[in-house]
Amino acid sequence: MSTVGRLTIYICKGILMKSKRPQAKAKLQIENERVIITEWSFASGAETGWHRHAYDYIVVPTLKGNLLMETKEGLNIIELEEGQSYYRPVGVEHNVVNSNDYPFSFVEIELK
């Protein structure tokens, strides 16, 4: 993967892919010795950018919708229900993309 400005180039299952997407907006709500809580807001097609979490985390969707999860292993569509939380362990490098035709948001809770 390589990033030049807002153009991301990466290889997914041997296929060269390029991305020029708007960036999702992160709003820090709480950070203390136990948690980091961030609200993520996405325009349609927006992405977080490639990242890896330093802590286990929980995601709480604020709307029903789908997100595209890009990883080095491939692409996955995640179907989310409003208020239905899910947990992920530390360590997987990924990029999250709003694949809906409407704005989407979730709250992310990282456990220190």
C-alpha atoms as a PDB file:
ATOM      1  CA  MET A   1       0.000   0.000   0.000  1.00  0.00           C
ATOM      2  CA  SER A   2       1.175   3.507  -0.796  1.00  0.00           C
ATOM      3  CA  THR A   3      -0.466   6.873  -0.222  1.00  0.00           C
ATOM      4  CA  VAL A   4       0.187  10.025  -2.220  1.00  0.00           C
ATOM      5  CA  GLY A   5      -1.946  12.924  -1.036  1.00  0.00           C
ATOM      6  CA  ARG A   6      -5.460  11.492  -0.904  1.00  0.00           C
ATOM      7  CA  LEU A   7      -4.769   8.841  -3.540  1.00  0.00           C
ATOM      8  CA  THR A   8      -4.286   5.414  -1.988  1.00  0.00           C
ATOM      9  CA  ILE A   9      -2.776   2.586  -3.992  1.00  0.00           C
ATOM     10  CA  TYR A  10      -2.834  -0.919  -2.557  1.00  0.00           C
ATOM     11  CA  ILE A  11      -2.767  -4.538  -3.633  1.00  0.00           C
ATOM     12  CA  CYS A  12      -5.768  -6.663  -2.713  1.00  0.00           C
ATOM     13  CA  LYS A  13      -5.486 -10.371  -3.524  1.00  0.00           C
ATOM     14  CA  GLY A  14      -2.884  -9.553  -6.175  1.00  0.00           C
ATOM     15  CA  ILE A  15      -4.954  -6.807  -7.839  1.00  0.00           C
ATOM     16  CA  LEU A  16      -3.644  -3.240  -7.905  1.00  0.00           C
ATOM     17  CA  MET A  17      -6.382  -0.915  -6.679  1.00  0.00           C
ATOM     18  CA  LYS A  18      -6.540   2.886  -6.402  1.00  0.00           C
ATOM     19  CA  SER A  19      -8.760   4.961  -4.176  1.00  0.00           C
ATOM     20  CA  LYS A  20      -9.508   8.661  -4.046  1.00  0.00           C
ATOM     21  CA  ARG A  21     -12.261   8.977  -1.497  1.00  0.00           C
ATOM     22  CA  PRO A  22     -13.384  11.656   0.932  1.00  0.00           C
ATOM     23  CA  GLN A  23     -12.115  11.163   4.476  1.00  0.00           C
ATOM     24  CA  ALA A  24     -14.432  10.184   7.328  1.00  0.00           C
ATOM     25  CA  LYS A  25     -14.480  12.639  10.228  1.00  0.00           C
ATOM     26  CA  ALA A  26     -13.403  11.526  13.705  1.00  0.00           C
ATOM     27  CA  LYS A  27     -14.691  13.393  16.762  1.00  0.00           C
ATOM     28  CA  LEU A  28     -12.986  12.429  20.022  1.00  0.00           C
ATOM     29  CA  GLN A  29     -15.609  12.231  22.769  1.00  0.00           C
ATOM     30  CA  ILE A  30     -13.658  10.812  25.729  1.00  0.00           C
ATOM     31  CA  GLU A  31     -10.078   9.800  26.355  1.00  0.00           C
ATOM     32  CA  ASN A  32      -8.873   8.745  29.770  1.00  0.00           C
ATOM     33  CA  GLU A  33      -6.759   6.007  31.380  1.00  0.00           C
ATOM     34  CA  ARG A  34      -9.348   3.300  30.520  1.00  0.00           C
ATOM     35  CA  VAL A  35     -10.971   4.131  27.141  1.00  0.00           C
ATOM     36  CA  ILE A  36     -10.857   6.182  23.966  1.00  0.00           C
ATOM     37  CA  ILE A  37     -14.336   6.941  22.591  1.00  0.00           C
ATOM     38  CA  THR A  38     -14.600   8.393  19.091  1.00  0.00           C
ATOM     39  CA  GLU A  39     -17.609   9.184  16.917  1.00  0.00           C
ATOM     40  CA  TRP A  40     -16.925   8.484  13.233  1.00  0.00           C
ATOM     41  CA  SER A  41     -19.053  10.269  10.587  1.00  0.00           C
ATOM     42  CA  PHE A  42     -18.898   9.245   6.928  1.00  0.00           C
ATOM     43  CA  ALA A  43     -20.285  10.907   3.830  1.00  0.00           C
ATOM     44  CA  SER A  44     -21.357   8.358   1.236  1.00  0.00           C
ATOM     45  CA  GLY A  45     -18.161   6.748  -0.095  1.00  0.00           C
ATOM     46  CA  ALA A  46     -15.913   8.219   2.619  1.00  0.00           C
ATOM     47  CA  GLU A  47     -13.147   6.166   4.253  1.00  0.00           C
ATOM     48  CA  THR A  48     -11.186   6.114   7.496  1.00  0.00           C
ATOM     49  CA  GLY A  49      -7.877   5.465   5.760  1.00  0.00           C
ATOM     50  CA  TRP A  50      -5.709   2.432   6.455  1.00  0.00           C
ATOM     51  CA  HIS A  51      -5.008   1.957  10.158  1.00  0.00           C
ATOM     52  CA  ARG A  52      -4.393  -0.596  12.901  1.00  0.00           C
ATOM     53  CA  HIS A  53      -5.859  -0.320  16.405  1.00  0.00           C
ATOM     54  CA  ALA A  54      -3.539  -0.349  19.405  1.00  0.00           C
ATOM     55  CA  TYR A  55      -6.359  -1.676  21.636  1.00  0.00           C
ATOM     56  CA  ASP A  56      -9.297  -4.083  21.495  1.00  0.00           C
ATOM     57  CA  TYR A  57     -12.397  -2.120  20.501  1.00  0.00           C
ATOM     58  CA  ILE A  58     -16.187  -2.071  20.270  1.00  0.00           C
ATOM     59  CA  VAL A  59     -18.204  -0.411  17.499  1.00  0.00           C
ATOM     60  CA  VAL A  60     -21.752   0.847  18.095  1.00  0.00           C
ATOM     61  CA  PRO A  61     -23.543   1.764  14.817  1.00  0.00           C
ATOM     62  CA  THR A  62     -25.904   4.728  15.076  1.00  0.00           C
ATOM     63  CA  LEU A  63     -27.735   3.747  11.873  1.00  0.00           C
ATOM     64  CA  LYS A  64     -28.604   0.631   9.909  1.00  0.00           C
ATOM     65  CA  GLY A  65     -26.332   0.173   6.901  1.00  0.00           C
ATOM     66  CA  ASN A  66     -23.340  -1.484   5.275  1.00  0.00           C
ATOM     67  CA  LEU A  67     -19.642  -0.769   5.535  1.00  0.00           C
ATOM     68  CA  LEU A  68     -16.930  -2.053   3.242  1.00  0.00           C
ATOM     69  CA  MET A  69     -13.985  -3.430   5.218  1.00  0.00           C
ATOM     70  CA  GLU A  70     -10.759  -3.510   3.222  1.00  0.00           C
ATOM     71  CA  THR A  71      -7.964  -5.698   4.600  1.00  0.00           C
ATOM     72  CA  LYS A  72      -4.831  -7.236   3.144  1.00  0.00           C
ATOM     73  CA  GLU A  73      -6.824 -10.483   2.860  1.00  0.00           C
ATOM     74  CA  GLY A  74      -9.551  -8.923   0.736  1.00  0.00           C
ATOM     75  CA  LEU A  75     -12.831  -7.009   0.812  1.00  0.00           C
ATOM     76  CA  ASN A  76     -15.837  -7.685   3.057  1.00  0.00           C
ATOM     77  CA  ILE A  77     -19.225  -6.002   3.351  1.00  0.00           C
ATOM     78  CA  ILE A  78     -20.349  -5.736   6.969  1.00  0.00           C
ATOM     79  CA  GLU A  79     -24.105  -5.420   7.524  1.00  0.00           C
ATOM     80  CA  LEU A  80     -24.818  -3.318  10.611  1.00  0.00           C
ATOM     81  CA  GLU A  81     -27.961  -2.716  12.622  1.00  0.00           C
ATOM     82  CA  GLU A  82     -28.559   0.493  14.563  1.00  0.00           C
ATOM     83  CA  GLY A  83     -27.400   0.045  18.174  1.00  0.00           C
ATOM     84  CA  GLN A  84     -26.133  -3.553  17.640  1.00  0.00           C
ATOM     85  CA  SER A  85     -22.544  -3.477  18.887  1.00  0.00           C
ATOM     86  CA  TYR A  86     -19.678  -5.664  17.732  1.00  0.00           C
ATOM     87  CA  TYR A  87     -16.228  -6.373  19.173  1.00  0.00           C
ATOM     88  CA  ARG A  88     -12.870  -6.633  17.378  1.00  0.00           C
ATOM     89  CA  PRO A  89      -9.480  -7.608  18.795  1.00  0.00           C
ATOM     90  CA  VAL A  90      -6.366  -5.490  18.360  1.00  0.00           C
ATOM     91  CA  GLY A  91      -4.104  -5.903  15.377  1.00  0.00           C
ATOM     92  CA  VAL A  92      -5.788  -6.146  11.956  1.00  0.00           C
ATOM     93  CA  GLU A  93      -4.774  -3.411   9.510  1.00  0.00           C
ATOM     94  CA  HIS A  94      -7.881  -2.198   7.687  1.00  0.00           C
ATOM     95  CA  ASN A  95      -9.725   0.628   5.935  1.00  0.00           C
ATOM     96  CA  VAL A  96     -13.438   1.245   6.554  1.00  0.00           C
ATOM     97  CA  VAL A  97     -15.563   2.689   3.709  1.00  0.00           C
ATOM     98  CA  ASN A  98     -19.196   3.846   3.815  1.00  0.00           C
ATOM     99  CA  SER A  99     -20.748   1.778   1.021  1.00  0.00           C
ATOM    100  CA  ASN A 100     -24.221   3.274   1.566  1.00  0.00           C
ATOM    101  CA  ASP A 101     -25.728   5.977  -0.626  1.00  0.00           C
ATOM    102  CA  TYR A 102     -26.337   8.056   2.520  1.00  0.00           C
ATOM    103  CA  PRO A 103     -24.214   9.382   5.409  1.00  0.00           C
ATOM    104  CA  PHE A 104     -23.307   6.836   8.083  1.00  0.00           C
ATOM    105  CA  SER A 105     -21.833   7.013  11.585  1.00  0.00           C
ATOM    106  CA  PHE A 106     -20.752   4.858  14.484  1.00  0.00           C
ATOM    107  CA  VAL A 107     -19.190   5.211  17.911  1.00  0.00           C
ATOM    108  CA  GLU A 108     -15.912   3.383  18.474  1.00  0.00           C
ATOM    109  CA  ILE A 109     -14.851   2.445  22.015  1.00  0.00           C
ATOM    110  CA  GLU A 110     -11.202   1.410  22.396  1.00  0.00           C
ATOM    111  CA  LEU A 111     -10.395  -0.458  25.623  1.00  0.00           C
ATOM    112  CA  LYS A 112      -7.016   0.447  27.115  1.00  0.00           C
END
